[in-house]
Amino acid sequence: MVNDELSGKERYEKVIAWFRENMPVAETELHYTNAYGLLVAVILSAQCTDKRVNMITPSLLHDFPTPEALAAATPEVIYEYIRSVSYPNNKARHLAGMAKMLVEQFGGEVPGNLEDLIRLPGVGRKTANVIRSVVFNKAAMAVDTHVFRVSNRIGLTNNSKTPLATEKELVKNIPGELIATAHHWLILHGRYICRARTPHCDKCGLQMICNYYCNTRKIREAKEENNRIIAKETNKE
């Protein structure tokens, strides 16, 4: 069955089947040992690479191993540990505020529901869903730039304009028990294969069910056919 003939359900089934076979283990690349450590790492990871975050969190969490310890630190002190990440001033304030709220309102424990998580400084819907899916194993789909891009390119979403619209469409079509894993499938595929500027379509096993690849191929083939016609007409002259 060619790409144009796939229904939405069939596309999801084929994509899921491919990932289950080719990426049976899909996990976050952020290093962490507990919910608090992952929350710190995810806040730091906004518009920053996991590799960079993993270089920073060991010393930060060694000196501030609990929310109580971090809550006692000032943003200026925290800044010195995280100065090499993107937007370190803002993130230092977010980490300090997040730790204080955890201590003052949640008994030093990371909450597991969306409403409480998004109250924390530095925590939006995406970060909250990462915590919910990874730590609490809930059917939560965190949509970052990779998930947003890959979903649209493959055709899992119908030109969704916002992360929330993408999240809703993915959650509606992916079985609940696979949503947490599917989040990592899409992130890792976007990070290493379906890259933003230079997608490695030649290395992708989803080529023939991917809207982006098939449309790009059609344009390329049309251009090649047009060039052949022009060359043929030129030779006649």
Foldseek 3Di string as FASTA:
>chain_A
DFQVPDDLLRLVVVVVVVCCVVPVDFDDPADDDALLLLLLLVLLPVVWDSVLSNVQSVVVCVQVVFLVRLLVDALVVQLVRNVPTPPSSQSSVQSNQQSVCCVPPVVRDQDQDQVVQCVRRSDDLLSSLLSNCRHVVFLFARDDPQLVVQCVQLVNDDPDDDSVSSRVSCSVNDPSNCNSVVNRVSNVCQVPAVDDPDHNLVPDPSQRNTNNNVVVVVVVVVVVVVVVVVVVVVVVD
